[in-house]
Amino acid sequence: MRGGDPDAALHYLARMIEAGEDPVFIARRLVILASEDIGNADPHGLPLAMAAAQAVQLVGMPEGRIPLAQATTYLASVPKSNASYVSINKALDDVRRGSVPEVPMHLRNATTGLMKDEGYGAGYRYAHNDGEAEGMNDRYLSGELAGHVYYEPKESGAEKGIKERLEKWRWERKKREES
């Protein structure tokens, strides 16, 4: 599936089924593949894999082979991107190394009067009231992580549009900060 060959994927699916592999295990692997190897290149992959996993549990075998085959052929045939997988690993690495700067004051929720007096939430920009319903209208990371980029979408499938949008938003934020 990762390599984009639905015919080979079906063959190996059939071999696993005939060898007695647990269909729930197969479905679980499809769910993982949909996020790890396809991600936002085709965001429909994960819901389809989840539906196949539910269908296998609902109908059992031998009919469960049908939703497994449907998910397998779809996932093998769509654009691939592991950008979300790579980005969460980078973020986890930073956190595990102790790179955890304070949450900026403007992002902290002032749930008490004292918190408000201390500056929690001061200067928060709610994009929908700010005329900027989309885009990065503020800095959400502070300290050594300010401006840090974890998620780097690829030029694959729907992720190409996400990449273009994020590049535009990052450029617009930088331009606002420079002025």
N, C-alpha and C. Protein backbone atom coordinates (compact mmCIF):
# COMPACT_ATOMS: atom_id res chain seq x y z
N MET A 1 0.82 -1.19 0.00
CA MET A 1 0.00 0.00 0.00
C MET A 1 0.86 1.25 0.00
N ARG A 2 1.89 1.28 0.83
CA ARG A 2 2.77 2.44 0.92
C ARG A 2 3.36 2.77 -0.44
N GLY A 3 3.64 1.75 -1.22
CA GLY A 3 4.25 1.96 -2.53
C GLY A 3 3.27 2.25 -3.64
N GLY A 4 1.97 2.25 -3.37
CA GLY A 4 0.99 2.64 -4.37
C GLY A 4 0.58 1.53 -5.33
N ASP A 5 0.67 0.29 -4.93
CA ASP A 5 0.30 -0.82 -5.81
C ASP A 5 -0.89 -1.58 -5.22
N PRO A 6 -2.12 -1.24 -5.64
CA PRO A 6 -3.29 -1.90 -5.07
C PRO A 6 -3.37 -3.39 -5.37
N ASP A 7 -2.81 -3.80 -6.49
CA ASP A 7 -2.86 -5.22 -6.85
C ASP A 7 -1.99 -6.05 -5.90
N ALA A 8 -0.78 -5.57 -5.65
CA ALA A 8 0.09 -6.27 -4.70
C ALA A 8 -0.51 -6.22 -3.30
N ALA A 9 -1.09 -5.08 -2.94
CA ALA A 9 -1.70 -4.95 -1.62
C ALA A 9 -2.83 -5.95 -1.44
N LEU A 10 -3.65 -6.13 -2.47
CA LEU A 10 -4.74 -7.12 -2.40
C LEU A 10 -4.20 -8.53 -2.28
N HIS A 11 -3.14 -8.82 -3.02
CA HIS A 11 -2.54 -10.14 -2.95
C HIS A 11 -2.08 -10.46 -1.52
N TYR A 12 -1.36 -9.51 -0.91
CA TYR A 12 -0.87 -9.75 0.45
C TYR A 12 -2.00 -9.75 1.47
N LEU A 13 -3.04 -8.97 1.22
CA LEU A 13 -4.22 -9.03 2.09
C LEU A 13 -4.82 -10.43 2.02
N ALA A 14 -4.97 -10.96 0.81
CA ALA A 14 -5.54 -12.31 0.64
C ALA A 14 -4.67 -13.35 1.34
N ARG A 15 -3.37 -13.22 1.24
CA ARG A 15 -2.48 -14.17 1.92
C ARG A 15 -2.65 -14.11 3.43
N MET A 16 -2.77 -12.90 3.96
CA MET A 16 -2.96 -12.77 5.41
C MET A 16 -4.28 -13.38 5.84
N ILE A 17 -5.34 -13.13 5.07
CA ILE A 17 -6.65 -13.68 5.40
C ILE A 17 -6.60 -15.21 5.37
N GLU A 18 -6.05 -15.76 4.32
CA GLU A 18 -5.97 -17.22 4.17
C GLU A 18 -5.08 -17.87 5.22
N ALA A 19 -4.07 -17.13 5.69
CA ALA A 19 -3.17 -17.67 6.71
C ALA A 19 -3.79 -17.60 8.10
N GLY A 20 -4.96 -16.96 8.20
CA GLY A 20 -5.65 -16.89 9.48
C GLY A 20 -5.30 -15.68 10.33
N GLU A 21 -4.70 -14.66 9.72
CA GLU A 21 -4.39 -13.44 10.48
C GLU A 21 -5.68 -12.84 11.03
N ASP A 22 -5.62 -12.31 12.22
CA ASP A 22 -6.77 -11.68 12.85
C ASP A 22 -7.21 -10.47 12.01
N PRO A 23 -8.44 -10.45 11.51
CA PRO A 23 -8.89 -9.33 10.68
C PRO A 23 -8.90 -8.00 11.44
N VAL A 24 -9.05 -8.04 12.75
CA VAL A 24 -9.00 -6.81 13.55
C VAL A 24 -7.58 -6.24 13.52
N PHE A 25 -6.58 -7.12 13.56
CA PHE A 25 -5.19 -6.67 13.44
C PHE A 25 -4.96 -6.03 12.08
N ILE A 26 -5.47 -6.65 11.02
CA ILE A 26 -5.32 -6.10 9.68
C ILE A 26 -5.96 -4.72 9.61
N ALA A 27 -7.17 -4.60 10.15
CA ALA A 27 -7.88 -3.32 10.13
C ALA A 27 -7.10 -2.26 10.91
N ARG A 28 -6.54 -2.66 12.05
CA ARG A 28 -5.75 -1.73 12.86
C ARG A 28 -4.55 -1.22 12.06
N ARG A 29 -3.91 -2.09 11.31
CA ARG A 29 -2.77 -1.68 10.48
C ARG A 29 -3.21 -0.70 9.39
N LEU A 30 -4.42 -0.90 8.84
CA LEU A 30 -4.94 0.03 7.83
C LEU A 30 -5.14 1.42 8.43
N VAL A 31 -5.66 1.46 9.65
CA VAL A 31 -5.87 2.75 10.33
C VAL A 31 -4.53 3.45 10.54
N ILE A 32 -3.54 2.71 10.98
CA ILE A 32 -2.21 3.29 11.20
C ILE A 32 -1.63 3.81 9.89
N LEU A 33 -1.72 3.02 8.84
CA LEU A 33 -1.20 3.42 7.54
C LEU A 33 -1.89 4.69 7.04
N ALA A 34 -3.19 4.79 7.27
CA ALA A 34 -3.94 5.95 6.79
C ALA A 34 -3.40 7.25 7.39
N SER A 35 -2.92 7.21 8.63
CA SER A 35 -2.36 8.40 9.25
C SER A 35 -0.86 8.53 9.02
N GLU A 36 -0.14 7.43 9.18
CA GLU A 36 1.31 7.48 9.11
C GLU A 36 1.83 7.72 7.70
N ASP A 37 1.23 7.08 6.73
CA ASP A 37 1.78 7.12 5.36
C ASP A 37 0.97 7.94 4.37
N ILE A 38 -0.27 8.27 4.70
CA ILE A 38 -1.13 9.02 3.79
C ILE A 38 -1.44 10.39 4.37
N GLY A 39 -1.85 10.42 5.61
CA GLY A 39 -2.05 11.69 6.31
C GLY A 39 -2.94 12.65 5.56
N ASN A 40 -2.50 13.90 5.53
CA ASN A 40 -3.29 14.95 4.91
C ASN A 40 -3.18 14.99 3.39
N ALA A 41 -2.39 14.11 2.80
CA ALA A 41 -2.38 14.03 1.34
C ALA A 41 -3.75 13.57 0.84
N ASP A 42 -4.41 12.73 1.65
CA ASP A 42 -5.80 12.36 1.38
C ASP A 42 -6.49 12.16 2.72
N PRO A 43 -7.09 13.23 3.25
CA PRO A 43 -7.70 13.13 4.58
C PRO A 43 -8.91 12.21 4.66
N HIS A 44 -9.36 11.69 3.53
CA HIS A 44 -10.48 10.72 3.56
C HIS A 44 -10.00 9.32 3.91
N GLY A 45 -8.70 9.09 3.86
CA GLY A 45 -8.17 7.76 4.13
C GLY A 45 -8.44 7.28 5.55
N LEU A 46 -8.26 8.15 6.53
CA LEU A 46 -8.45 7.74 7.91
C LEU A 46 -9.91 7.38 8.21
N PRO A 47 -10.89 8.23 7.83
CA PRO A 47 -12.28 7.82 8.08
C PRO A 47 -12.66 6.52 7.37
N LEU A 48 -12.13 6.30 6.17
CA LEU A 48 -12.42 5.06 5.45
C LEU A 48 -11.81 3.86 6.18
N ALA A 49 -10.58 4.02 6.66
CA ALA A 49 -9.94 2.93 7.39
C ALA A 49 -10.69 2.65 8.69
N MET A 50 -11.13 3.69 9.37
CA MET A 50 -11.92 3.51 10.60
C MET A 50 -13.24 2.80 10.30
N ALA A 51 -13.88 3.18 9.21
CA ALA A 51 -15.14 2.54 8.83
C ALA A 51 -14.91 1.06 8.52
N ALA A 52 -13.81 0.75 7.85
CA ALA A 52 -13.50 -0.65 7.55
C ALA A 52 -13.26 -1.43 8.85
N ALA A 53 -12.55 -0.81 9.80
CA ALA A 53 -12.29 -1.48 11.07
C ALA A 53 -13.61 -1.75 11.81
N GLN A 54 -14.51 -0.79 11.81
CA GLN A 54 -15.81 -0.98 12.45
C GLN A 54 -16.62 -2.05 11.72
N ALA A 55 -16.57 -2.03 10.41
CA ALA A 55 -17.32 -3.00 9.61
C ALA A 55 -16.84 -4.42 9.89
N VAL A 56 -15.54 -4.59 10.00
CA VAL A 56 -14.98 -5.92 10.28
C VAL A 56 -15.51 -6.42 11.63
N GLN A 57 -15.54 -5.54 12.62
CA GLN A 57 -16.05 -5.96 13.93
C GLN A 57 -17.55 -6.22 13.89
N LEU A 58 -18.28 -5.47 13.08
CA LEU A 58 -19.73 -5.63 13.00
C LEU A 58 -20.13 -6.89 12.25
N VAL A 59 -19.55 -7.11 11.07
CA VAL A 59 -20.00 -8.23 10.24
C VAL A 59 -19.16 -9.48 10.40
N GLY A 60 -17.93 -9.33 10.90
CA GLY A 60 -17.06 -10.50 11.05
C GLY A 60 -16.59 -11.03 9.71
N MET A 61 -16.04 -12.21 9.75
CA MET A 61 -15.53 -12.86 8.54
C MET A 61 -16.51 -13.96 8.15
N PRO A 62 -16.64 -14.29 6.91
CA PRO A 62 -15.78 -13.93 5.80
C PRO A 62 -16.13 -12.59 5.14
N GLU A 63 -17.31 -12.00 5.45
CA GLU A 63 -17.72 -10.76 4.79
C GLU A 63 -16.80 -9.59 5.10
N GLY A 64 -16.11 -9.64 6.24
CA GLY A 64 -15.18 -8.58 6.61
C GLY A 64 -14.08 -8.37 5.59
N ARG A 65 -13.85 -9.38 4.77
CA ARG A 65 -12.81 -9.25 3.74
C ARG A 65 -13.16 -8.14 2.75
N ILE A 66 -14.45 -7.85 2.58
CA ILE A 66 -14.88 -6.85 1.58
C ILE A 66 -14.50 -5.43 2.02
N PRO A 67 -14.88 -4.99 3.23
CA PRO A 67 -14.41 -3.66 3.63
C PRO A 67 -12.89 -3.58 3.77
N LEU A 68 -12.25 -4.69 4.15
CA LEU A 68 -10.79 -4.69 4.20
C LEU A 68 -10.22 -4.47 2.80
N ALA A 69 -10.79 -5.12 1.81
CA ALA A 69 -10.32 -4.95 0.44
C ALA A 69 -10.59 -3.54 -0.06
N GLN A 70 -11.77 -3.00 0.28
CA GLN A 70 -12.09 -1.63 -0.15
C GLN A 70 -11.09 -0.64 0.42
N ALA A 71 -10.84 -0.73 1.72
CA ALA A 71 -9.89 0.19 2.35
C ALA A 71 -8.48 -0.03 1.80
N THR A 72 -8.10 -1.28 1.61
CA THR A 72 -6.77 -1.59 1.09
C THR A 72 -6.55 -0.98 -0.28
N THR A 73 -7.50 -1.17 -1.20
CA THR A 73 -7.33 -0.64 -2.56
C THR A 73 -7.34 0.88 -2.56
N TYR A 74 -8.21 1.48 -1.75
CA TYR A 74 -8.26 2.94 -1.69
C TYR A 74 -6.94 3.50 -1.16
N LEU A 75 -6.50 2.97 -0.02
CA LEU A 75 -5.29 3.49 0.61
C LEU A 75 -4.05 3.27 -0.25
N ALA A 76 -4.04 2.17 -1.00
CA ALA A 76 -2.90 1.92 -1.88
C ALA A 76 -2.89 2.88 -3.07
N SER A 77 -4.06 3.42 -3.42
CA SER A 77 -4.20 4.20 -4.65
C SER A 77 -4.14 5.71 -4.48
N VAL A 78 -4.04 6.19 -3.26
CA VAL A 78 -4.09 7.65 -3.04
C VAL A 78 -2.69 8.23 -2.87
N PRO A 79 -2.58 9.56 -2.98
CA PRO A 79 -1.29 10.21 -2.72
C PRO A 79 -0.84 9.94 -1.28
N LYS A 80 0.44 9.95 -1.06
CA LYS A 80 1.00 9.64 0.25
C LYS A 80 1.76 10.84 0.83
N SER A 81 1.72 10.96 2.14
CA SER A 81 2.53 11.94 2.86
C SER A 81 2.70 11.47 4.30
N ASN A 82 3.92 11.50 4.75
CA ASN A 82 4.19 11.18 6.16
C ASN A 82 4.52 12.44 6.95
N ALA A 83 4.14 13.60 6.44
CA ALA A 83 4.49 14.88 7.08
C ALA A 83 3.92 14.99 8.50
N SER A 84 2.70 14.53 8.73
CA SER A 84 2.13 14.60 10.09
C SER A 84 2.91 13.69 11.03
N TYR A 85 3.25 12.51 10.56
CA TYR A 85 4.03 11.55 11.35
C TYR A 85 5.40 12.14 11.72
N VAL A 86 6.07 12.72 10.74
CA VAL A 86 7.39 13.31 10.97
C VAL A 86 7.26 14.49 11.93
N SER A 87 6.22 15.32 11.75
CA SER A 87 6.10 16.53 12.56
C SER A 87 5.79 16.23 14.02
N ILE A 88 4.95 15.24 14.32
CA ILE A 88 4.68 14.93 15.72
C ILE A 88 5.93 14.35 16.39
N ASN A 89 6.72 13.60 15.63
CA ASN A 89 7.96 13.08 16.20
C ASN A 89 8.94 14.20 16.53
N LYS A 90 9.01 15.24 15.69
CA LYS A 90 9.87 16.39 15.96
C LYS A 90 9.39 17.13 17.21
N ALA A 91 8.08 17.34 17.30
CA ALA A 91 7.53 18.05 18.46
C ALA A 91 7.76 17.26 19.75
N LEU A 92 7.53 15.95 19.69
CA LEU A 92 7.77 15.10 20.86
C LEU A 92 9.24 15.13 21.26
N ASP A 93 10.13 15.14 20.29
CA ASP A 93 11.56 15.20 20.59
C ASP A 93 11.91 16.49 21.33
N ASP A 94 11.35 17.62 20.87
CA ASP A 94 11.60 18.88 21.57
C ASP A 94 11.09 18.83 23.01
N VAL A 95 9.87 18.33 23.19
CA VAL A 95 9.28 18.26 24.53
C VAL A 95 10.11 17.34 25.41
N ARG A 96 10.52 16.21 24.90
CA ARG A 96 11.31 15.25 25.68
C ARG A 96 12.69 15.79 26.04
N ARG A 97 13.23 16.67 25.20
CA ARG A 97 14.53 17.29 25.48
C ARG A 97 14.38 18.48 26.42
N GLY A 98 13.14 18.78 26.81
CA GLY A 98 12.92 19.86 27.77
C GLY A 98 12.64 21.20 27.15
N SER A 99 12.42 21.25 25.85
CA SER A 99 12.10 22.51 25.19
C SER A 99 10.61 22.79 25.36
N VAL A 100 10.27 23.38 26.50
CA VAL A 100 8.87 23.65 26.85
C VAL A 100 8.74 25.07 27.40
N PRO A 101 8.89 26.07 26.51
CA PRO A 101 8.77 27.45 26.99
C PRO A 101 7.36 27.72 27.52
N GLU A 102 7.23 28.75 28.33
CA GLU A 102 5.94 29.10 28.91
C GLU A 102 4.93 29.42 27.82
N VAL A 103 3.68 29.09 28.10
CA VAL A 103 2.60 29.46 27.19
C VAL A 103 2.49 30.98 27.23
N PRO A 104 2.47 31.65 26.07
CA PRO A 104 2.37 33.11 26.06
C PRO A 104 1.16 33.59 26.88
N MET A 105 1.33 34.70 27.59
CA MET A 105 0.28 35.22 28.47
C MET A 105 -1.02 35.45 27.72
N HIS A 106 -0.94 35.93 26.48
CA HIS A 106 -2.17 36.24 25.75
C HIS A 106 -2.98 34.99 25.40
N LEU A 107 -2.36 33.80 25.47
CA LEU A 107 -3.08 32.55 25.19
C LEU A 107 -3.65 31.90 26.45
N ARG A 108 -3.26 32.40 27.60
CA ARG A 108 -3.74 31.81 28.86
C ARG A 108 -5.15 32.30 29.16
N ASN A 109 -6.01 31.38 29.56
CA ASN A 109 -7.39 31.69 29.86
C ASN A 109 -7.51 32.31 31.25
N ALA A 110 -8.07 33.50 31.32
CA ALA A 110 -8.25 34.18 32.61
C ALA A 110 -9.57 33.72 33.22
N THR A 111 -9.50 32.66 34.01
CA THR A 111 -10.73 32.10 34.60
C THR A 111 -11.09 32.76 35.92
N THR A 112 -10.20 33.58 36.47
CA THR A 112 -10.49 34.30 37.71
C THR A 112 -10.09 35.76 37.52
N GLY A 113 -10.59 36.60 38.40
CA GLY A 113 -10.22 38.01 38.37
C GLY A 113 -8.73 38.21 38.58
N LEU A 114 -8.16 37.43 39.49
CA LEU A 114 -6.73 37.54 39.76
C LEU A 114 -5.92 37.23 38.51
N MET A 115 -6.32 36.19 37.81
CA MET A 115 -5.61 35.83 36.58
C MET A 115 -5.70 36.98 35.56
N LYS A 116 -6.85 37.57 35.45
CA LYS A 116 -7.03 38.69 34.53
C LYS A 116 -6.13 39.85 34.95
N ASP A 117 -6.09 40.12 36.26
CA ASP A 117 -5.23 41.19 36.77
C ASP A 117 -3.76 40.91 36.51
N GLU A 118 -3.40 39.64 36.49
CA GLU A 118 -2.00 39.24 36.24
C GLU A 118 -1.64 39.27 34.75
N GLY A 119 -2.62 39.54 33.90
CA GLY A 119 -2.34 39.67 32.46
C GLY A 119 -2.70 38.47 31.63
N TYR A 120 -3.31 37.47 32.24
CA TYR A 120 -3.74 36.31 31.45
C TYR A 120 -4.75 36.77 30.40
N GLY A 121 -4.55 36.34 29.18
CA GLY A 121 -5.48 36.64 28.09
C GLY A 121 -5.36 38.04 27.53
N ALA A 122 -4.54 38.89 28.12
CA ALA A 122 -4.41 40.27 27.65
C ALA A 122 -3.81 40.30 26.25
N GLY A 123 -4.50 40.96 25.35
CA GLY A 123 -4.02 41.09 23.98
C GLY A 123 -4.37 39.93 23.07
N TYR A 124 -5.17 39.00 23.59
CA TYR A 124 -5.56 37.87 22.74
C TYR A 124 -6.35 38.37 21.55
N ARG A 125 -6.02 37.86 20.38
CA ARG A 125 -6.69 38.27 19.14
C ARG A 125 -7.56 37.12 18.65
N TYR A 126 -8.85 37.31 18.76
CA TYR A 126 -9.81 36.31 18.28
C TYR A 126 -10.01 36.57 16.80
N ALA A 127 -9.52 35.67 15.98
CA ALA A 127 -9.47 35.90 14.53
C ALA A 127 -10.82 36.27 13.93
N HIS A 128 -11.88 35.69 14.43
CA HIS A 128 -13.19 35.95 13.84
C HIS A 128 -13.68 37.37 14.12
N ASN A 129 -13.17 37.99 15.17
CA ASN A 129 -13.54 39.37 15.47
C ASN A 129 -12.51 40.35 14.95
N ASP A 130 -11.44 39.84 14.45
CA ASP A 130 -10.31 40.66 14.06
C ASP A 130 -10.28 40.91 12.55
N GLY A 131 -11.27 40.41 11.84
CA GLY A 131 -11.27 40.55 10.39
C GLY A 131 -10.32 39.59 9.70
N GLU A 132 -9.75 38.69 10.46
CA GLU A 132 -8.81 37.72 9.89
C GLU A 132 -9.29 36.32 10.26
N ALA A 133 -10.38 35.89 9.62
CA ALA A 133 -11.00 34.61 9.99
C ALA A 133 -10.10 33.42 9.72
N GLU A 134 -9.07 33.61 8.91
CA GLU A 134 -8.15 32.50 8.74
C GLU A 134 -6.74 33.02 8.72
N GLY A 135 -5.85 32.16 9.05
CA GLY A 135 -4.45 32.54 9.03
C GLY A 135 -3.87 32.63 10.42
N MET A 136 -2.57 32.80 10.44
CA MET A 136 -1.83 32.91 11.69
C MET A 136 -1.81 34.38 12.08
N ASN A 137 -2.78 34.79 12.88
CA ASN A 137 -2.88 36.20 13.21
C ASN A 137 -2.08 36.58 14.44
N ASP A 138 -1.33 35.65 15.00
CA ASP A 138 -0.59 35.93 16.22
C ASP A 138 0.54 34.91 16.35
N ARG A 139 1.35 35.04 17.41
CA ARG A 139 2.38 34.05 17.73
C ARG A 139 1.79 33.12 18.78
N TYR A 140 1.89 31.84 18.54
CA TYR A 140 1.33 30.87 19.46
C TYR A 140 2.41 30.04 20.17
N LEU A 141 3.65 30.19 19.73
CA LEU A 141 4.79 29.56 20.41
C LEU A 141 5.69 30.69 20.91
N SER A 142 6.32 30.46 22.05
CA SER A 142 7.18 31.49 22.60
C SER A 142 8.58 30.96 22.83
N GLY A 143 9.43 31.83 23.33
CA GLY A 143 10.79 31.45 23.67
C GLY A 143 11.55 30.92 22.46
N GLU A 144 12.34 29.89 22.72
CA GLU A 144 13.17 29.34 21.64
C GLU A 144 12.35 28.69 20.53
N LEU A 145 11.06 28.48 20.77
CA LEU A 145 10.21 27.86 19.74
C LEU A 145 9.44 28.89 18.90
N ALA A 146 9.54 30.16 19.22
CA ALA A 146 8.84 31.19 18.44
C ALA A 146 9.24 31.08 16.97
N GLY A 147 8.27 30.91 16.13
CA GLY A 147 8.52 30.79 14.69
C GLY A 147 8.97 29.42 14.25
N HIS A 148 9.08 28.48 15.17
CA HIS A 148 9.52 27.13 14.84
C HIS A 148 8.46 26.43 13.97
N VAL A 149 8.91 25.70 12.98
CA VAL A 149 8.01 24.97 12.09
C VAL A 149 8.21 23.47 12.29
N TYR A 150 7.16 22.80 12.70
CA TYR A 150 7.17 21.34 12.80
C TYR A 150 6.54 20.72 11.55
N TYR A 151 5.37 21.22 11.22
CA TYR A 151 4.59 20.62 10.13
C TYR A 151 5.00 21.21 8.80
N GLU A 152 5.58 20.37 7.96
CA GLU A 152 6.01 20.78 6.62
C GLU A 152 5.29 19.91 5.60
N PRO A 153 4.11 20.38 5.16
CA PRO A 153 3.33 19.59 4.20
C PRO A 153 4.12 19.33 2.92
N LYS A 154 3.77 18.23 2.30
CA LYS A 154 4.43 17.86 1.04
C LYS A 154 3.61 18.35 -0.14
N GLU A 155 4.11 18.14 -1.32
CA GLU A 155 3.43 18.56 -2.55
C GLU A 155 2.54 17.43 -3.07
N SER A 156 1.90 16.72 -2.18
CA SER A 156 1.16 15.53 -2.55
C SER A 156 -0.32 15.66 -2.20
N GLY A 157 -1.18 15.43 -3.16
CA GLY A 157 -2.62 15.43 -2.92
C GLY A 157 -3.11 16.71 -2.28
N ALA A 158 -4.03 16.58 -1.32
CA ALA A 158 -4.61 17.73 -0.64
C ALA A 158 -3.57 18.50 0.16
N GLU A 159 -2.47 17.86 0.50
CA GLU A 159 -1.44 18.53 1.29
C GLU A 159 -0.78 19.66 0.51
N LYS A 160 -0.81 19.60 -0.80
CA LYS A 160 -0.24 20.68 -1.61
C LYS A 160 -0.96 21.99 -1.31
N GLY A 161 -2.29 21.94 -1.23
CA GLY A 161 -3.06 23.14 -0.91
C GLY A 161 -2.80 23.62 0.51
N ILE A 162 -2.65 22.67 1.45
CA ILE A 162 -2.34 23.03 2.83
C ILE A 162 -0.99 23.73 2.88
N LYS A 163 -0.02 23.20 2.14
CA LYS A 163 1.32 23.79 2.11
C LYS A 163 1.27 25.22 1.59
N GLU A 164 0.56 25.43 0.51
CA GLU A 164 0.45 26.77 -0.06
C GLU A 164 -0.21 27.74 0.93
N ARG A 165 -1.27 27.29 1.58
CA ARG A 165 -1.99 28.13 2.55
C ARG A 165 -1.10 28.48 3.73
N LEU A 166 -0.40 27.49 4.30
CA LEU A 166 0.47 27.76 5.44
C LEU A 166 1.63 28.67 5.07
N GLU A 167 2.19 28.51 3.88
CA GLU A 167 3.27 29.40 3.44
C GLU A 167 2.76 30.84 3.34
N LYS A 168 1.55 31.01 2.82
CA LYS A 168 0.95 32.35 2.71
C LYS A 168 0.72 32.94 4.10
N TRP A 169 0.15 32.15 5.01
CA TRP A 169 -0.12 32.64 6.36
C TRP A 169 1.16 32.99 7.09
N ARG A 170 2.18 32.16 6.95
CA ARG A 170 3.45 32.43 7.63
C ARG A 170 4.10 33.71 7.07
N TRP A 171 4.01 33.89 5.76
CA TRP A 171 4.56 35.08 5.12
C TRP A 171 3.80 36.32 5.58
N GLU A 172 2.45 36.24 5.63
CA GLU A 172 1.64 37.38 6.07
C GLU A 172 1.92 37.73 7.52
N ARG A 173 2.10 36.71 8.38
CA ARG A 173 2.41 36.98 9.79
C ARG A 173 3.76 37.68 9.91
N LYS A 174 4.74 37.19 9.18
CA LYS A 174 6.06 37.79 9.22
C LYS A 174 6.00 39.25 8.75
N LYS A 175 5.25 39.48 7.70
CA LYS A 175 5.11 40.85 7.16
C LYS A 175 4.47 41.77 8.20
N ARG A 176 3.42 41.28 8.89
CA ARG A 176 2.76 42.08 9.93
C ARG A 176 3.72 42.40 11.07
N GLU A 177 4.52 41.41 11.44
CA GLU A 177 5.44 41.60 12.56
C GLU A 177 6.56 42.57 12.21
N GLU A 178 6.93 42.61 10.94
CA GLU A 178 8.01 43.51 10.51
C GLU A 178 7.53 44.95 10.41
N SER A 179 6.23 45.14 10.23
CA SER A 179 5.74 46.51 10.07
C SER A 179 5.39 47.19 11.37
